[in-house]
Amino acid sequence: MVFAFLLVVFIDGQQVQIGGVAAFRDIHRCAFFAREIERTGNETWTTKRVYQQNKIQAHCEPKFFPKETKFWD
């Protein structure tokens, strides 16, 4: 077993099933993707203005994974 972090994404409070495992050994790499998902997913462009929305949330959960798991870092 390998201790790593699972990237979890929520839209409107519901967890998104992405059809795979987004696992990272490095918490900083996982946190980077979580921040970028929240930042880019919560912006709406109208003409030349950007409006913030709070519909997408992402975080990293610590978890044990089998050694055969594909890690994204």
PDB file of N, CA and C in Angstrom:
ATOM      1  N   MET A   1       0.840  -1.186   0.000  1.00  0.00           N
ATOM      2  CA  MET A   1       0.000   0.000   0.000  1.00  0.00           C
ATOM      3  C   MET A   1       0.886   1.252   0.000  1.00  0.00           C
ATOM      4  N   VAL A   2       0.384   2.300  -0.653  1.00  0.00           N
ATOM      5  CA  VAL A   2       1.106   3.566  -0.763  1.00  0.00           C
ATOM      6  C   VAL A   2       0.218   4.672  -0.204  1.00  0.00           C
ATOM      7  N   PHE A   3       0.784   5.498   0.663  1.00  0.00           N
ATOM      8  CA  PHE A   3       0.036   6.642   1.196  1.00  0.00           C
ATOM      9  C   PHE A   3       0.137   7.771   0.188  1.00  0.00           C
ATOM     10  N   ALA A   4      -1.018   8.275  -0.261  1.00  0.00           N
ATOM     11  CA  ALA A   4      -1.048   9.333  -1.275  1.00  0.00           C
ATOM     12  C   ALA A   4      -2.311  10.170  -1.077  1.00  0.00           C
ATOM     13  N   PHE A   5      -2.623  10.993  -2.068  1.00  0.00           N
ATOM     14  CA  PHE A   5      -3.740  11.926  -1.958  1.00  0.00           C
ATOM     15  C   PHE A   5      -4.658  11.793  -3.164  1.00  0.00           C
ATOM     16  N   LEU A   6      -5.959  11.781  -2.885  1.00  0.00           N
ATOM     17  CA  LEU A   6      -6.984  11.658  -3.908  1.00  0.00           C
ATOM     18  C   LEU A   6      -7.590  13.029  -4.170  1.00  0.00           C
ATOM     19  N   LEU A   7      -7.594  13.453  -5.421  1.00  0.00           N
ATOM     20  CA  LEU A   7      -8.216  14.722  -5.796  1.00  0.00           C
ATOM     21  C   LEU A   7      -9.713  14.491  -5.920  1.00  0.00           C
ATOM     22  N   VAL A   8     -10.486  15.241  -5.132  1.00  0.00           N
ATOM     23  CA  VAL A   8     -11.940  15.100  -5.102  1.00  0.00           C
ATOM     24  C   VAL A   8     -12.555  16.421  -5.554  1.00  0.00           C
ATOM     25  N   VAL A   9     -13.532  16.346  -6.477  1.00  0.00           N
ATOM     26  CA  VAL A   9     -14.158  17.543  -7.040  1.00  0.00           C
ATOM     27  C   VAL A   9     -15.663  17.494  -6.773  1.00  0.00           C
ATOM     28  N   PHE A  10     -16.215  18.644  -6.356  1.00  0.00           N
ATOM     29  CA  PHE A  10     -17.645  18.787  -6.121  1.00  0.00           C
ATOM     30  C   PHE A  10     -18.192  19.900  -7.003  1.00  0.00           C
ATOM     31  N   ILE A  11     -19.340  19.672  -7.611  1.00  0.00           N
ATOM     32  CA  ILE A  11     -20.055  20.716  -8.357  1.00  0.00           C
ATOM     33  C   ILE A  11     -21.427  20.846  -7.731  1.00  0.00           C
ATOM     34  N   ASP A  12     -21.757  22.041  -7.300  1.00  0.00           N
ATOM     35  CA  ASP A  12     -23.015  22.318  -6.604  1.00  0.00           C
ATOM     36  C   ASP A  12     -23.228  21.365  -5.431  1.00  0.00           C
ATOM     37  N   GLY A  13     -22.152  21.040  -4.712  1.00  0.00           N
ATOM     38  CA  GLY A  13     -22.245  20.201  -3.535  1.00  0.00           C
ATOM     39  C   GLY A  13     -22.294  18.707  -3.798  1.00  0.00           C
ATOM     40  N   GLN A  14     -22.298  18.297  -5.053  1.00  0.00           N
ATOM     41  CA  GLN A  14     -22.336  16.876  -5.404  1.00  0.00           C
ATOM     42  C   GLN A  14     -20.973  16.430  -5.907  1.00  0.00           C
ATOM     43  N   GLN A  15     -20.464  15.325  -5.363  1.00  0.00           N
ATOM     44  CA  GLN A  15     -19.159  14.822  -5.796  1.00  0.00           C
ATOM     45  C   GLN A  15     -19.230  14.350  -7.240  1.00  0.00           C
ATOM     46  N   VAL A  16     -18.233  14.748  -8.022  1.00  0.00           N
ATOM     47  CA  VAL A  16     -18.158  14.388  -9.439  1.00  0.00           C
ATOM     48  C   VAL A  16     -17.468  13.036  -9.572  1.00  0.00           C
ATOM     49  N   GLN A  17     -18.091  12.128 -10.293  1.00  0.00           N
ATOM     50  CA  GLN A  17     -17.470  10.836 -10.596  1.00  0.00           C
ATOM     51  C   GLN A  17     -16.734  10.996 -11.922  1.00  0.00           C
ATOM     52  N   ILE A  18     -15.402  11.012 -11.868  1.00  0.00           N
ATOM     53  CA  ILE A  18     -14.624  11.304 -13.074  1.00  0.00           C
ATOM     54  C   ILE A  18     -14.292  10.063 -13.882  1.00  0.00           C
ATOM     55  N   GLY A  19     -14.682   8.907 -13.398  1.00  0.00           N
ATOM     56  CA  GLY A  19     -14.450   7.679 -14.152  1.00  0.00           C
ATOM     57  C   GLY A  19     -13.049   7.116 -14.003  1.00  0.00           C
ATOM     58  N   GLY A  20     -12.324   7.608 -13.047  1.00  0.00           N
ATOM     59  CA  GLY A  20     -10.971   7.130 -12.801  1.00  0.00           C
ATOM     60  C   GLY A  20     -10.496   7.637 -11.460  1.00  0.00           C
ATOM     61  N   VAL A  21      -9.218   7.426 -11.182  1.00  0.00           N
ATOM     62  CA  VAL A  21      -8.648   7.864  -9.908  1.00  0.00           C
ATOM     63  C   VAL A  21      -7.603   8.934 -10.184  1.00  0.00           C
ATOM     64  N   ALA A  22      -7.773  10.094  -9.590  1.00  0.00           N
ATOM     65  CA  ALA A  22      -6.784  11.166  -9.694  1.00  0.00           C
ATOM     66  C   ALA A  22      -5.961  11.135  -8.409  1.00  0.00           C
ATOM     67  N   ALA A  23      -4.943  10.286  -8.383  1.00  0.00           N
ATOM     68  CA  ALA A  23      -4.127  10.080  -7.191  1.00  0.00           C
ATOM     69  C   ALA A  23      -2.750  10.726  -7.375  1.00  0.00           C
ATOM     70  N   PHE A  24      -2.265  11.337  -6.304  1.00  0.00           N
ATOM     71  CA  PHE A  24      -0.970  12.020  -6.316  1.00  0.00           C
ATOM     72  C   PHE A  24      -0.189  11.612  -5.082  1.00  0.00           C
ATOM     73  N   ARG A  25       1.097  11.319  -5.240  1.00  0.00           N
ATOM     74  CA  ARG A  25       1.960  11.043  -4.096  1.00  0.00           C
ATOM     75  C   ARG A  25       2.345  12.336  -3.382  1.00  0.00           C
ATOM     76  N   ASP A  26       2.426  13.421  -4.138  1.00  0.00           N
ATOM     77  CA  ASP A  26       2.862  14.721  -3.618  1.00  0.00           C
ATOM     78  C   ASP A  26       1.652  15.604  -3.346  1.00  0.00           C
ATOM     79  N   ILE A  27       1.452  15.988  -2.091  1.00  0.00           N
ATOM     80  CA  ILE A  27       0.289  16.810  -1.735  1.00  0.00           C
ATOM     81  C   ILE A  27       0.317  18.167  -2.425  1.00  0.00           C
ATOM     82  N   HIS A  28       1.511  18.705  -2.672  1.00  0.00           N
ATOM     83  CA  HIS A  28       1.606  20.012  -3.322  1.00  0.00           C
ATOM     84  C   HIS A  28       1.110  19.942  -4.766  1.00  0.00           C
ATOM     85  N   ARG A  29       1.391  18.846  -5.439  1.00  0.00           N
ATOM     86  CA  ARG A  29       0.919  18.667  -6.817  1.00  0.00           C
ATOM     87  C   ARG A  29      -0.602  18.494  -6.842  1.00  0.00           C
ATOM     88  N   CYS A  30      -1.119  17.729  -5.909  1.00  0.00           N
ATOM     89  CA  CYS A  30      -2.565  17.549  -5.803  1.00  0.00           C
ATOM     90  C   CYS A  30      -3.247  18.890  -5.499  1.00  0.00           C
ATOM     91  N   ALA A  31      -2.691  19.640  -4.549  1.00  0.00           N
ATOM     92  CA  ALA A  31      -3.258  20.926  -4.169  1.00  0.00           C
ATOM     93  C   ALA A  31      -3.218  21.911  -5.337  1.00  0.00           C
ATOM     94  N   PHE A  32      -2.175  21.848  -6.168  1.00  0.00           N
ATOM     95  CA  PHE A  32      -2.099  22.709  -7.343  1.00  0.00           C
ATOM     96  C   PHE A  32      -3.311  22.475  -8.249  1.00  0.00           C
ATOM     97  N   PHE A  33      -3.595  21.207  -8.548  1.00  0.00           N
ATOM     98  CA  PHE A  33      -4.731  20.900  -9.422  1.00  0.00           C
ATOM     99  C   PHE A  33      -6.056  21.286  -8.760  1.00  0.00           C
ATOM    100  N   ALA A  34      -6.177  21.087  -7.460  1.00  0.00           N
ATOM    101  CA  ALA A  34      -7.400  21.479  -6.747  1.00  0.00           C
ATOM    102  C   ALA A  34      -7.621  22.988  -6.862  1.00  0.00           C
ATOM    103  N   ARG A  35      -6.567  23.777  -6.650  1.00  0.00           N
ATOM    104  CA  ARG A  35      -6.684  25.242  -6.763  1.00  0.00           C
ATOM    105  C   ARG A  35      -7.062  25.661  -8.176  1.00  0.00           C
ATOM    106  N   GLU A  36      -6.411  25.063  -9.168  1.00  0.00           N
ATOM    107  CA  GLU A  36      -6.681  25.440 -10.558  1.00  0.00           C
ATOM    108  C   GLU A  36      -8.096  25.058 -10.978  1.00  0.00           C
ATOM    109  N   ILE A  37      -8.580  23.914 -10.537  1.00  0.00           N
ATOM    110  CA  ILE A  37      -9.954  23.516 -10.849  1.00  0.00           C
ATOM    111  C   ILE A  37     -10.923  24.516 -10.245  1.00  0.00           C
ATOM    112  N   GLU A  38     -10.704  24.897  -8.989  1.00  0.00           N
ATOM    113  CA  GLU A  38     -11.593  25.875  -8.357  1.00  0.00           C
ATOM    114  C   GLU A  38     -11.493  27.234  -9.032  1.00  0.00           C
ATOM    115  N   ARG A  39     -10.268  27.662  -9.333  1.00  0.00           N
ATOM    116  CA  ARG A  39     -10.073  28.997  -9.918  1.00  0.00           C
ATOM    117  C   ARG A  39     -10.704  29.099 -11.300  1.00  0.00           C
ATOM    118  N   THR A  40     -10.405  28.154 -12.160  1.00  0.00           N
ATOM    119  CA  THR A  40     -10.900  28.251 -13.533  1.00  0.00           C
ATOM    120  C   THR A  40     -12.352  27.833 -13.659  1.00  0.00           C
ATOM    121  N   GLY A  41     -12.814  26.955 -12.793  1.00  0.00           N
ATOM    122  CA  GLY A  41     -14.196  26.500 -12.877  1.00  0.00           C
ATOM    123  C   GLY A  41     -15.192  27.455 -12.274  1.00  0.00           C
ATOM    124  N   ASN A  42     -14.716  28.418 -11.490  1.00  0.00           N
ATOM    125  CA  ASN A  42     -15.613  29.340 -10.811  1.00  0.00           C
ATOM    126  C   ASN A  42     -15.635  30.724 -11.445  1.00  0.00           C
ATOM    127  N   GLU A  43     -15.119  30.852 -12.658  1.00  0.00           N
ATOM    128  CA  GLU A  43     -15.132  32.136 -13.354  1.00  0.00           C
ATOM    129  C   GLU A  43     -16.078  32.069 -14.545  1.00  0.00           C
ATOM    130  N   THR A  44     -16.858  33.092 -14.693  1.00  0.00           N
ATOM    131  CA  THR A  44     -17.741  33.214 -15.850  1.00  0.00           C
ATOM    132  C   THR A  44     -17.410  34.528 -16.548  1.00  0.00           C
ATOM    133  N   TRP A  45     -17.118  34.433 -17.834  1.00  0.00           N
ATOM    134  CA  TRP A  45     -16.794  35.629 -18.604  1.00  0.00           C
ATOM    135  C   TRP A  45     -18.048  36.155 -19.283  1.00  0.00           C
ATOM    136  N   THR A  46     -18.300  37.451 -19.121  1.00  0.00           N
ATOM    137  CA  THR A  46     -19.342  38.128 -19.885  1.00  0.00           C
ATOM    138  C   THR A  46     -18.711  39.410 -20.393  1.00  0.00           C
ATOM    139  N   THR A  47     -18.649  39.555 -21.668  1.00  0.00           N
ATOM    140  CA  THR A  47     -17.939  40.643 -22.346  1.00  0.00           C
ATOM    141  C   THR A  47     -16.517  40.720 -21.808  1.00  0.00           C
ATOM    142  N   LYS A  48     -16.161  41.816 -21.124  1.00  0.00           N
ATOM    143  CA  LYS A  48     -14.786  41.981 -20.644  1.00  0.00           C
ATOM    144  C   LYS A  48     -14.686  41.833 -19.129  1.00  0.00           C
ATOM    145  N   ARG A  49     -15.709  41.336 -18.498  1.00  0.00           N
ATOM    146  CA  ARG A  49     -15.695  41.182 -17.044  1.00  0.00           C
ATOM    147  C   ARG A  49     -15.731  39.715 -16.651  1.00  0.00           C
ATOM    148  N   VAL A  50     -15.135  39.440 -15.521  1.00  0.00           N
ATOM    149  CA  VAL A  50     -15.143  38.083 -14.973  1.00  0.00           C
ATOM    150  C   VAL A  50     -15.970  38.111 -13.696  1.00  0.00           C
ATOM    151  N   TYR A  51     -16.929  37.223 -13.593  1.00  0.00           N
ATOM    152  CA  TYR A  51     -17.745  37.102 -12.392  1.00  0.00           C
ATOM    153  C   TYR A  51     -17.403  35.804 -11.693  1.00  0.00           C
ATOM    154  N   GLN A  52     -17.254  35.863 -10.388  1.00  0.00           N
ATOM    155  CA  GLN A  52     -16.923  34.671  -9.618  1.00  0.00           C
ATOM    156  C   GLN A  52     -18.193  33.909  -9.256  1.00  0.00           C
ATOM    157  N   GLN A  53     -18.113  32.591  -9.336  1.00  0.00           N
ATOM    158  CA  GLN A  53     -19.167  31.705  -8.882  1.00  0.00           C
ATOM    159  C   GLN A  53     -18.566  30.766  -7.848  1.00  0.00           C
ATOM    160  N   ASN A  54     -19.373  30.216  -7.014  1.00  0.00           N
ATOM    161  CA  ASN A  54     -18.867  29.272  -6.020  1.00  0.00           C
ATOM    162  C   ASN A  54     -19.537  27.913  -6.198  1.00  0.00           C
ATOM    163  N   LYS A  55     -19.507  27.395  -7.399  1.00  0.00           N
ATOM    164  CA  LYS A  55     -20.171  26.134  -7.678  1.00  0.00           C
ATOM    165  C   LYS A  55     -19.213  24.948  -7.672  1.00  0.00           C
ATOM    166  N   ILE A  56     -17.934  25.184  -7.896  1.00  0.00           N
ATOM    167  CA  ILE A  56     -16.972  24.093  -7.991  1.00  0.00           C
ATOM    168  C   ILE A  56     -15.995  24.166  -6.821  1.00  0.00           C
ATOM    169  N   GLN A  57     -15.850  23.033  -6.130  1.00  0.00           N
ATOM    170  CA  GLN A  57     -14.896  22.929  -5.033  1.00  0.00           C
ATOM    171  C   GLN A  57     -14.039  21.691  -5.261  1.00  0.00           C
ATOM    172  N   ALA A  58     -12.788  21.762  -4.840  1.00  0.00           N
ATOM    173  CA  ALA A  58     -11.885  20.620  -4.986  1.00  0.00           C
ATOM    174  C   ALA A  58     -10.946  20.583  -3.781  1.00  0.00           C
ATOM    175  N   HIS A  59     -10.603  19.381  -3.353  1.00  0.00           N
ATOM    176  CA  HIS A  59      -9.636  19.218  -2.272  1.00  0.00           C
ATOM    177  C   HIS A  59      -8.951  17.864  -2.404  1.00  0.00           C
ATOM    178  N   CYS A  60      -7.933  17.666  -1.576  1.00  0.00           N
ATOM    179  CA  CYS A  60      -7.148  16.427  -1.609  1.00  0.00           C
ATOM    180  C   CYS A  60      -7.397  15.643  -0.324  1.00  0.00           C
ATOM    181  N   GLU A  61      -7.769  14.383  -0.481  1.00  0.00           N
ATOM    182  CA  GLU A  61      -8.006  13.518   0.671  1.00  0.00           C
ATOM    183  C   GLU A  61      -6.859  12.524   0.822  1.00  0.00           C
ATOM    184  N   PRO A  62      -6.284  12.420   2.017  1.00  0.00           N
ATOM    185  CA  PRO A  62      -5.237  11.414   2.237  1.00  0.00           C
ATOM    186  C   PRO A  62      -5.862  10.020   2.243  1.00  0.00           C
ATOM    187  N   LYS A  63      -5.152   9.069   1.646  1.00  0.00           N
ATOM    188  CA  LYS A  63      -5.709   7.728   1.494  1.00  0.00           C
ATOM    189  C   LYS A  63      -4.590   6.747   1.166  1.00  0.00           C
ATOM    190  N   PHE A  64      -4.805   5.481   1.447  1.00  0.00           N
ATOM    191  CA  PHE A  64      -3.878   4.433   1.034  1.00  0.00           C
ATOM    192  C   PHE A  64      -4.349   3.841  -0.286  1.00  0.00           C
ATOM    193  N   PHE A  65      -3.398   3.643  -1.209  1.00  0.00           N
ATOM    194  CA  PHE A  65      -3.685   3.103  -2.532  1.00  0.00           C
ATOM    195  C   PHE A  65      -2.851   1.847  -2.763  1.00  0.00           C
ATOM    196  N   PRO A  66      -3.342   0.921  -3.589  1.00  0.00           N
ATOM    197  CA  PRO A  66      -2.514  -0.231  -3.965  1.00  0.00           C
ATOM    198  C   PRO A  66      -1.282   0.240  -4.745  1.00  0.00           C
ATOM    199  N   LYS A  67      -0.207  -0.513  -4.688  1.00  0.00           N
ATOM    200  CA  LYS A  67       1.028  -0.136  -5.383  1.00  0.00           C
ATOM    201  C   LYS A  67       0.837  -0.027  -6.890  1.00  0.00           C
ATOM    202  N   GLU A  68      -0.135  -0.743  -7.426  1.00  0.00           N
ATOM    203  CA  GLU A  68      -0.366  -0.753  -8.882  1.00  0.00           C
ATOM    204  C   GLU A  68      -1.089   0.499  -9.380  1.00  0.00           C
ATOM    205  N   THR A  69      -1.546   1.361  -8.485  1.00  0.00           N
ATOM    206  CA  THR A  69      -2.274   2.573  -8.865  1.00  0.00           C
ATOM    207  C   THR A  69      -1.409   3.482  -9.706  1.00  0.00           C
ATOM    208  N   LYS A  70      -2.007   4.085 -10.745  1.00  0.00           N
ATOM    209  CA  LYS A  70      -1.275   5.074 -11.551  1.00  0.00           C
ATOM    210  C   LYS A  70      -1.366   6.414 -10.849  1.00  0.00           C
ATOM    211  N   PHE A  71      -0.218   7.012 -10.572  1.00  0.00           N
ATOM    212  CA  PHE A  71      -0.161   8.312  -9.918  1.00  0.00           C
ATOM    213  C   PHE A  71       0.151   9.381 -10.953  1.00  0.00           C
ATOM    214  N   TRP A  72      -0.387  10.569 -10.762  1.00  0.00           N
ATOM    215  CA  TRP A  72      -0.302  11.636 -11.769  1.00  0.00           C
ATOM    216  C   TRP A  72       0.761  12.671 -11.444  1.00  0.00           C
ATOM    217  N   ASP A  73       1.763  12.304 -10.658  1.00  0.00           N
ATOM    218  CA  ASP A  73       2.866  13.242 -10.399  1.00  0.00           C
ATOM    219  C   ASP A  73       4.206  12.582 -10.608  1.00  0.00           C
TER     220      ASP A  73
END
